[in-house]
Protein backbone atom coordinates (compact mmCIF):
# COMPACT_ATOMS: atom_id res chain seq x y z
CA MET A 1 -37.20 32.38 10.72
CA PRO A 2 -36.27 28.70 10.17
CA VAL A 3 -32.99 27.54 11.70
CA GLN A 4 -30.43 26.39 9.15
CA ILE A 5 -28.71 23.02 9.61
CA LEU A 6 -25.27 23.26 8.01
CA MET A 7 -22.84 20.49 7.19
CA PRO A 8 -20.55 20.51 10.25
CA ALA A 9 -16.76 20.38 10.23
CA LEU A 10 -16.16 17.35 12.44
CA SER A 11 -12.37 17.30 12.16
CA PRO A 12 -9.67 19.89 11.41
CA THR A 13 -8.92 18.34 8.00
CA MET A 14 -12.55 17.96 6.91
CA THR A 15 -13.67 20.02 3.90
CA GLU A 16 -16.50 17.75 2.80
CA GLY A 17 -18.29 14.64 4.00
CA ASN A 18 -20.92 12.09 3.12
CA LEU A 19 -24.41 12.35 4.59
CA VAL A 20 -24.91 8.68 5.44
CA LYS A 21 -28.30 8.75 7.16
CA TRP A 22 -30.99 11.05 8.56
CA HIS A 23 -32.34 9.90 11.93
CA LYS A 24 -35.30 12.28 11.62
CA LYS A 25 -37.79 12.76 8.81
CA GLU A 26 -39.61 15.90 7.73
CA GLY A 27 -42.31 16.79 10.25
CA ASP A 28 -40.57 15.09 13.19
CA THR A 29 -40.16 17.01 16.44
CA ILE A 30 -36.53 17.70 17.36
CA LYS A 31 -35.15 18.17 20.85
CA ALA A 32 -31.69 19.50 21.67
CA GLY A 33 -29.23 16.65 22.07
CA GLU A 34 -31.11 14.21 19.84
CA VAL A 35 -29.21 12.56 17.00
CA LEU A 36 -30.09 14.22 13.70
CA ALA A 37 -27.87 12.46 11.20
CA GLU A 38 -24.82 10.29 10.58
CA ILE A 39 -21.93 11.96 8.75
CA GLU A 40 -18.92 10.16 7.26
CA THR A 41 -15.87 12.36 7.68
CA ASP A 42 -12.33 11.91 6.44
CA LYS A 43 -11.64 9.67 9.44
CA ALA A 44 -14.83 8.06 10.74
CA THR A 45 -18.62 7.93 10.70
CA MET A 46 -20.04 10.10 13.49
CA GLU A 47 -23.46 11.03 14.81
CA VAL A 48 -24.45 14.72 14.75
CA GLU A 49 -26.71 15.99 17.53
CA ALA A 50 -29.26 18.81 17.32
CA VAL A 51 -28.46 22.01 19.17
CA ASP A 52 -31.84 23.64 18.51
CA GLU A 53 -35.42 22.53 19.17
CA GLY A 54 -38.30 22.60 16.74
CA THR A 55 -39.66 20.61 13.81
CA LEU A 56 -37.63 19.27 10.91
CA GLY A 57 -39.26 21.30 8.17
CA LYS A 58 -37.08 20.46 5.19
CA ILE A 59 -34.39 17.93 4.30
CA VAL A 60 -32.31 19.74 1.70
CA VAL A 61 -29.62 17.09 1.19
CA PRO A 62 -30.95 13.52 1.17
CA GLU A 63 -29.19 10.69 2.95
CA GLY A 64 -26.68 8.83 0.81
CA THR A 65 -25.35 12.05 -0.74
CA GLU A 66 -21.56 12.16 -1.03
CA ASN A 67 -19.07 15.05 -1.07
CA VAL A 68 -21.26 17.56 0.77
CA GLN A 69 -19.21 20.70 1.42
CA VAL A 70 -18.68 21.91 4.99
CA ASN A 71 -21.18 24.71 5.85
CA GLN A 72 -23.48 23.66 3.00
CA LEU A 73 -27.18 23.86 3.91
CA ILE A 74 -28.49 20.33 4.52
CA GLY A 75 -31.79 20.99 6.32
CA LEU A 76 -34.13 23.51 7.96
CA ILE A 77 -35.73 23.46 11.41
CA LEU A 78 -39.04 25.25 12.00
CA GLU A 79 -39.16 26.99 15.36
CA GLU A 80 -42.22 27.07 17.63
CA GLY A 81 -45.14 28.80 15.91
CA GLU A 82 -43.72 28.42 12.40
CA ASP A 83 -45.21 26.25 9.66
CA LYS A 84 -44.02 25.25 6.20
CA SER A 85 -44.99 28.62 4.76
CA ALA A 86 -41.86 30.01 6.45
CA LEU A 87 -39.76 27.87 4.11
CA LYS A 88 -40.82 29.89 1.07
CA ASP A 89 -38.30 32.60 1.96
CA PHE A 90 -35.48 30.13 1.43
CA LYS A 91 -34.20 29.44 -2.06
CA VAL A 92 -33.28 25.84 -1.52
CA ALA A 93 -31.78 23.83 -4.37
CA ALA A 94 -34.14 21.04 -5.37
CA PRO A 95 -33.15 17.57 -4.14
CA VAL A 96 -33.16 16.49 -7.79
CA ALA A 97 -29.66 17.96 -8.16
CA ALA A 98 -28.29 15.58 -5.54
CA ALA A 99 -30.18 12.71 -7.17
CA LYS A 100 -28.60 13.52 -10.53
CA VAL A 101 -25.14 13.43 -8.99
CA GLU A 102 -25.92 10.04 -7.50
CA GLU A 103 -27.33 8.79 -10.80
CA LYS A 104 -24.24 9.88 -12.70
CA LYS A 105 -22.01 8.24 -10.12
CA ILE A 106 -23.86 4.92 -10.33
CA GLU A 107 -23.90 4.95 -14.12
CA ALA A 108 -20.18 5.67 -14.22
CA VAL A 109 -19.55 2.72 -11.92
CA ALA A 110 -22.03 0.34 -13.48
CA ALA A 111 -21.56 1.02 -17.19
CA PRO A 112 -18.48 -1.16 -17.83
CA VAL A 113 -19.89 -4.07 -15.78
CA ALA A 114 -21.60 -6.92 -17.61
CA ALA A 115 -25.34 -6.32 -18.07
CA PRO A 116 -26.58 -9.21 -15.88
CA VAL A 117 -24.99 -7.58 -12.83
CA ILE A 118 -27.22 -4.49 -13.03
CA SER A 119 -30.29 -5.98 -14.70
CA MET A 120 -31.98 -6.80 -11.41
CA GLN A 121 -32.40 -3.13 -10.49
CA ALA A 122 -32.39 0.10 -12.48
CA ALA A 123 -29.09 1.97 -12.22
CA SER A 124 -30.85 5.20 -11.28
CA ALA A 125 -32.76 3.66 -8.35
CA ARG A 126 -31.58 4.66 -4.88
CA VAL A 127 -30.52 1.74 -2.73
CA ILE A 128 -32.28 1.65 0.65
CA ALA A 129 -30.13 -0.08 3.25
CA SER A 130 -29.32 0.19 6.94
CA PRO A 131 -26.03 1.92 7.88
CA LEU A 132 -24.66 -1.39 9.17
CA ALA A 133 -25.57 -3.17 5.93
CA LYS A 134 -23.91 -0.41 3.89
CA ARG A 135 -20.76 -0.60 5.99
CA ILE A 136 -20.49 -4.40 5.70
CA ALA A 137 -21.18 -4.20 1.95
CA GLU A 138 -18.47 -1.58 1.44
CA GLN A 139 -15.95 -3.59 3.44
CA SER A 140 -16.80 -6.85 1.65
CA GLY A 141 -17.24 -5.50 -1.88
CA VAL A 142 -20.91 -6.46 -2.20
CA ASN A 143 -22.97 -4.57 -4.80
CA LEU A 144 -26.08 -3.43 -2.91
CA SER A 145 -27.92 -2.61 -6.16
CA VAL A 146 -28.35 -6.34 -6.83
CA VAL A 147 -29.21 -7.38 -3.26
CA GLN A 148 -32.86 -8.12 -2.44
CA GLY A 149 -33.83 -6.44 0.84
CA SER A 150 -35.90 -8.33 3.41
CA GLY A 151 -36.46 -5.39 5.78
CA PRO A 152 -39.45 -2.99 5.91
CA HIS A 153 -40.31 -1.57 2.46
CA GLY A 154 -37.52 -3.65 0.89
CA ARG A 155 -34.77 -2.15 3.08
CA ILE A 156 -31.50 -4.10 2.89
CA ILE A 157 -30.35 -5.30 6.29
CA LYS A 158 -27.21 -7.02 7.61
CA ALA A 159 -28.57 -10.54 6.99
CA ASP A 160 -29.23 -9.73 3.32
CA VAL A 161 -25.62 -8.61 2.79
CA GLU A 162 -24.25 -11.69 4.56
CA GLN A 163 -26.41 -13.91 2.36
CA ALA A 164 -25.10 -12.12 -0.74
CA MET A 165 -21.52 -12.63 0.48
CA SER A 166 -22.13 -16.38 0.67
CA LYS A 167 -23.07 -16.46 -3.04
CA GLY A 168 -19.55 -15.70 -4.18
CA PRO A 169 -17.93 -13.02 -6.34
CA SER A 170 -20.84 -12.42 -8.74
CA LEU A 171 -22.31 -9.80 -6.39
CA ARG A 172 -19.00 -8.14 -5.47
CA ALA A 173 -19.01 -5.07 -7.70
CA ALA A 174 -19.92 -2.23 -5.35
CA THR A 175 -16.52 -0.75 -4.77
CA TYR A 176 -14.77 -1.22 -8.06
CA VAL A 177 -15.18 -1.02 -11.82
CA SER A 178 -13.90 -3.71 -14.21
CA ASN A 179 -12.25 -2.29 -17.34
CA ARG A 180 -11.05 -3.69 -20.64
CA GLU A 181 -7.45 -3.29 -21.74
CA VAL A 182 -6.21 0.30 -21.97
CA GLY A 183 -3.57 0.60 -24.69
CA ASP A 184 -0.90 -2.00 -24.07
CA MET A 185 -1.70 -2.26 -20.38
CA PRO A 186 -3.56 -5.30 -18.97
CA SER A 187 -7.11 -4.96 -17.68
CA PHE A 188 -7.48 -3.68 -14.12
CA ASP A 189 -9.94 -2.90 -11.32
CA ALA A 190 -10.43 0.79 -10.45
CA ILE A 191 -10.98 0.64 -6.69
CA LYS A 192 -13.10 3.35 -5.12
CA VAL A 193 -11.09 5.38 -2.59
CA SER A 194 -12.60 6.08 0.84
CA ASN A 195 -12.37 9.50 2.50
CA VAL A 196 -9.99 8.06 5.10
CA ARG A 197 -7.61 6.78 2.43
CA LYS A 198 -7.76 10.07 0.49
CA ILE A 199 -6.72 12.10 3.53
CA THR A 200 -4.08 9.55 4.54
CA ALA A 201 -2.59 9.65 1.04
CA LYS A 202 -2.53 13.47 1.08
CA ARG A 203 -0.91 13.73 4.51
CA LEU A 204 1.70 11.02 3.90
CA THR A 205 2.65 12.54 0.54
CA GLU A 206 3.13 15.90 2.24
CA ALA A 207 5.13 14.22 5.03
CA LYS A 208 7.49 12.47 2.63
CA GLN A 209 7.95 15.63 0.55
CA GLN A 210 8.28 18.19 3.35
CA VAL A 211 9.70 16.32 6.35
CA PRO A 212 13.43 15.44 6.20
CA HIS A 213 13.37 11.80 7.29
CA PHE A 214 16.30 9.77 8.54
CA TYR A 215 16.24 6.28 10.02
CA LEU A 216 17.85 4.49 12.97
CA THR A 217 17.55 0.72 13.50
CA ILE A 218 18.19 -1.32 16.62
CA GLU A 219 17.78 -5.04 17.38
CA CYS A 220 16.24 -6.11 20.70
CA GLU A 221 16.29 -9.52 22.40
CA VAL A 222 12.67 -10.05 23.48
CA SER A 223 12.51 -13.46 25.18
CA LYS A 224 12.01 -11.84 28.60
CA ILE A 225 9.21 -9.54 27.43
CA LEU A 226 7.45 -12.52 25.82
CA ALA A 227 7.75 -14.42 29.10
CA ILE A 228 6.36 -11.50 31.12
CA ARG A 229 3.42 -11.18 28.72
CA GLN A 230 2.68 -14.90 29.18
CA ASP A 231 2.87 -14.57 32.97
CA ILE A 232 0.49 -11.59 33.00
CA ASN A 233 -2.08 -13.32 30.83
CA ASP A 234 -1.81 -16.57 32.81
CA SER A 235 -2.47 -14.66 36.03
CA LEU A 236 -5.47 -12.90 34.47
CA GLY A 237 -6.86 -16.08 32.95
CA GLU A 238 -7.29 -14.39 29.56
CA LYS A 239 -5.18 -13.26 26.60
CA LEU A 240 -5.57 -9.57 27.38
CA VAL A 241 -2.05 -8.18 27.05
CA SER A 242 -0.28 -8.21 23.69
CA VAL A 243 3.38 -7.61 22.89
CA ASN A 244 2.24 -4.34 21.31
CA ASP A 245 0.80 -3.16 24.64
CA LEU A 246 4.20 -3.68 26.27
CA ILE A 247 5.91 -1.87 23.39
CA ILE A 248 3.52 1.10 23.82
CA LYS A 249 4.46 1.27 27.49
CA ALA A 250 8.17 1.04 26.62
CA CYS A 251 7.86 3.88 24.08
CA ALA A 252 6.08 6.08 26.62
CA LEU A 253 8.68 5.49 29.35
CA ALA A 254 11.56 5.96 26.91
CA LEU A 255 10.07 9.35 25.92
CA LYS A 256 10.10 10.32 29.59
CA LYS A 257 13.81 9.42 29.77
CA VAL A 258 14.57 11.24 26.50
CA PRO A 259 11.98 14.08 26.30
CA GLU A 260 13.80 15.68 23.34
CA ALA A 261 12.34 12.89 21.18
CA ASN A 262 8.81 13.69 22.33
CA ALA A 263 8.59 16.78 20.15
CA SER A 264 7.29 18.34 16.93
CA TRP A 265 8.34 21.10 14.52
CA ALA A 266 6.41 24.40 14.65
CA GLU A 267 8.45 26.56 12.22
CA ASP A 268 9.75 29.17 14.69
CA HIS A 269 10.00 26.83 17.68
CA ILE A 270 10.06 23.16 18.68
CA ARG A 271 7.25 21.86 20.86
CA GLN A 272 8.54 19.48 23.51
CA TYR A 273 5.58 17.69 25.08
CA HIS A 274 5.08 16.84 28.74
CA ALA A 275 2.76 13.87 28.12
CA SER A 276 3.51 10.64 26.26
CA ASP A 277 0.48 10.25 23.98
CA ILE A 278 1.15 7.26 21.72
CA SER A 279 -0.63 7.08 18.35
CA VAL A 280 -0.99 3.45 17.23
CA ALA A 281 -1.34 2.71 13.51
CA VAL A 282 -4.40 0.52 12.86
CA ALA A 283 -5.36 -0.89 9.46
CA THR A 284 -9.11 -0.66 8.74
CA PRO A 285 -11.17 -1.56 5.66
CA ASN A 286 -11.26 2.15 4.78
CA GLY A 287 -7.57 2.86 5.33
CA LEU A 288 -5.07 3.66 8.06
CA ILE A 289 -6.04 5.47 11.27
CA THR A 290 -4.14 6.13 14.50
CA PRO A 291 -6.13 5.92 17.75
CA ILE A 292 -4.24 7.39 20.69
CA ILE A 293 -3.30 5.94 24.08
CA ARG A 294 -2.99 9.16 26.07
CA ASP A 295 -0.64 9.48 29.08
CA ALA A 296 0.62 5.95 28.35
CA ASP A 297 3.57 6.41 30.71
CA GLN A 298 1.16 6.83 33.63
CA LYS A 299 -1.01 3.78 32.83
CA SER A 300 -0.41 0.16 33.69
CA VAL A 301 0.09 -2.36 30.92
CA MET A 302 -3.36 -3.81 31.69
CA GLU A 303 -4.96 -0.36 31.39
CA ILE A 304 -3.21 0.17 28.06
CA ALA A 305 -4.39 -3.24 26.86
CA ARG A 306 -8.04 -2.67 27.80
CA GLU A 307 -8.13 0.87 26.42
CA GLY A 308 -6.35 -0.20 23.24
CA LYS A 309 -8.68 -3.12 22.62
CA GLU A 310 -11.69 -0.78 22.80
CA LEU A 311 -10.10 1.89 20.60
CA TYR A 312 -8.95 -0.57 17.92
CA ALA A 313 -12.46 -2.08 17.68
CA LYS A 314 -13.98 1.39 17.32
CA ALA A 315 -11.39 2.27 14.68
CA LYS A 316 -12.27 -0.74 12.53
CA ASP A 317 -16.00 0.07 12.85
CA GLY A 318 -15.40 3.74 11.95
CA LYS A 319 -16.73 4.89 15.33
CA LEU A 320 -13.77 6.79 16.80
CA LYS A 321 -14.51 10.24 18.22
CA PRO A 322 -12.24 13.08 17.04
CA GLN A 323 -10.47 13.31 20.40
CA GLU A 324 -9.63 9.60 20.14
CA PHE A 325 -7.52 9.94 16.98
CA GLN A 326 -6.54 13.62 16.71
CA GLY A 327 -3.30 14.63 18.37
CA GLY A 328 -0.68 12.26 19.73
CA THR A 329 2.99 13.08 20.32
CA PHE A 330 4.67 9.90 18.99
CA SER A 331 3.55 7.09 16.67
CA LEU A 332 3.99 3.33 16.67
CA SER A 333 3.52 1.00 13.70
CA ASN A 334 3.83 -2.75 14.31
CA LEU A 335 3.79 -5.21 11.41
CA GLY A 336 5.39 -8.03 13.37
CA MET A 337 2.16 -10.00 13.50
CA PHE A 338 2.32 -10.22 9.69
CA GLY A 339 5.81 -11.70 9.72
CA ILE A 340 7.53 -8.51 8.49
CA GLU A 341 11.06 -8.51 9.91
CA HIS A 342 12.08 -4.96 9.08
CA PHE A 343 10.52 -1.80 7.63
CA ALA A 344 10.67 2.00 7.90
CA ALA A 345 7.47 3.99 8.52
CA ILE A 346 6.54 7.47 7.30
CA ILE A 347 6.32 10.15 10.01
CA ASN A 348 2.83 11.25 11.04
CA PRO A 349 2.98 15.10 11.02
CA PRO A 350 3.33 17.16 13.11
CA GLN A 351 4.96 14.46 15.24
CA GLY A 352 8.74 14.17 15.15
CA CYS A 353 9.13 10.36 15.33
CA ILE A 354 7.48 7.05 14.49
CA LEU A 355 8.75 3.63 15.56
CA ALA A 356 8.37 0.70 13.14
CA VAL A 357 8.42 -2.71 14.85
CA GLY A 358 9.06 -5.99 13.03
CA ALA A 359 8.48 -9.63 13.90
CA ALA A 360 10.26 -11.46 16.72
CA GLU A 361 12.43 -14.13 15.08
CA GLN A 362 14.65 -16.80 16.60
CA LYS A 363 18.25 -16.62 15.39
CA PRO A 364 21.77 -17.43 16.66
CA ILE A 365 23.37 -14.67 18.72
CA VAL A 366 26.57 -14.35 20.77
CA GLN A 367 25.92 -14.14 24.50
CA ASP A 368 28.75 -14.19 27.06
CA GLY A 369 31.10 -15.50 24.36
CA GLN A 370 28.78 -18.39 23.47
CA ILE A 371 26.51 -18.85 20.45
CA VAL A 372 22.93 -19.28 21.67
CA ILE A 373 19.46 -18.97 20.15
CA GLY A 374 17.85 -15.63 20.88
CA THR A 375 14.48 -14.13 19.95
CA MET A 376 15.30 -10.90 18.15
CA MET A 377 13.09 -8.00 17.06
CA ASN A 378 14.10 -5.19 14.66
CA CYS A 379 12.89 -1.68 15.52
CA THR A 380 13.42 1.28 13.18
CA LEU A 381 12.90 4.87 14.30
CA SER A 382 11.92 7.34 11.56
CA VAL A 383 12.97 10.82 12.64
CA ASP A 384 12.18 14.39 11.56
CA HIS A 385 15.70 15.81 11.40
CA ARG A 386 14.38 19.34 12.03
CA VAL A 387 13.29 18.22 15.49
CA VAL A 388 15.47 15.29 16.53
CA ASP A 389 19.18 14.88 15.84
CA GLY A 390 20.90 11.53 15.43
CA ALA A 391 22.27 11.51 18.98
CA VAL A 392 18.80 12.12 20.45
CA GLY A 393 17.27 9.40 18.28
CA ALA A 394 20.02 7.01 19.36
CA ALA A 395 19.43 7.90 23.04
CA PHE A 396 15.73 7.15 22.67
CA LEU A 397 16.39 3.75 21.07
CA THR A 398 18.93 2.92 23.78
CA ALA A 399 16.37 3.70 26.49
CA PHE A 400 13.70 1.74 24.59
CA LYS A 401 15.98 -1.30 24.18
CA GLU A 402 16.83 -1.27 27.89
CA LEU A 403 13.11 -1.41 28.75
CA ILE A 404 12.39 -4.14 26.20
CA THR A 405 15.31 -6.42 27.16
CA LYS A 406 14.81 -5.88 30.91
CA PRO A 407 11.02 -5.45 31.01
CA VAL A 408 10.48 -5.57 34.76
CA GLY A 409 10.31 -1.76 34.64
CA LEU A 410 7.25 -1.98 32.39
CA VAL A 411 5.09 -3.74 34.98
CA LEU A 412 6.26 -2.19 38.27
C-alpha cells in the first residue's frame, strides 16, 4: 500500500501553506531524512524531510500551489516491491484542478494590468523559477511572468531577477494589481498579503480586542550605555554589539528582579516564568516576526549580539525554525533606529508585556541643579492588566532604568 505524504502542520497556527518546491521528482528514490519539499507556512519557508523510504510514485499537488490545507494529500510513496499499478487504488484529484486555481489567480492579478506587461508570456503559463529567484522577486515586486530565464530549460534564476530589477518599474507587477478609480475614491494598488502578514494581522487584532492594555512610559539617560557599547566594540575590533543587544540584556535582568512581570494569562491561573526569553520584533519583507533570545539573562552581551545577528538574518530570509520564533515570555520592539521618539506597541499574546523603545535624542535636562545636555530615550511598557498591575509594571521599568543608566551590571 503506497505511503501517503500529507501537508504537515509546521506551526501551531498553521491551517494551510504554500507548496513552494519539490526536491524530488516522480520515480526518484527517497531515503528517510532526505528533503522532500519546501513549504511556506504562516511564519517562514521550511524544508520538510521524508520519514519513510521508497520511491516517489505520484506528486498530487504540484510545486507553486498555494493555500494547501493541512493534512491534504500532496504525494504518494511506493514501498519496496510496489510499482505504479498500486496507485490505481487511490482516487487522487487530477493536478489540473490545482492548475486551474493557479490560472484563475494569475488572470485575476493580470487582467487590470496594461496588455504589454503580460504580452511576453501567456497568463496561464506556469513560471519556472528557483526558490531564491521567487523570494527576491516577491520582496522586490518583480513580475516573474515577464522575466526571461537564463537557467536550464528557461528556469529563472537570481541573476535574471536582478537584471529585471535594474530595468525599473515596468516589470514590478508581481505582488500588486493596479486599478482604475472606484466610485469617488482615487485609484489604488491592491497589495498581495503574505501568510506571515495575514497571521500577524489576525493575532494583533485579537490582542487589541481581547487583551486589556495599559501603558507606562519612562525616560532613560543613555550616554553611559552608548559609551559602554563603543568600548566593547572597540575592544573587539568590530561593530558587533548594538544598543538593542544591551536593551535585551537589561530587559532580561529586570525580569529577574521583578518576576511578576515575566508572566502570561491562562484563564484560571497566571503563568510566572522562570526563564527570561526575549522575543525581538523584526520587520521582514513578508511582515513582522519575533525571533527569540532564550535565557537572555544568563548570556553575555556578546553572546546575545552574535545569536541575535544570526536569528535576524534568518528571519529576513524566511528561514527561522519553529523553535526559534515560537514561545518567548516578554517582547521588545525598537524603532529608535528609524528616528521614532515615542510609541506604544501591541502585546504579543500570550505574553503579558512588550517594551517599545524610541530613539536616543540629545536634549537639555536638569542634573544636580544644573541644566546640561543629556541623551534621553523614551521607553513605553504595554501591559496586560489581567496579568500585571500598575505597581508591578512601574517596578519593572524602575529596575530597567537602573540597568540602562548604570549599565556596568549588564557586562559584569
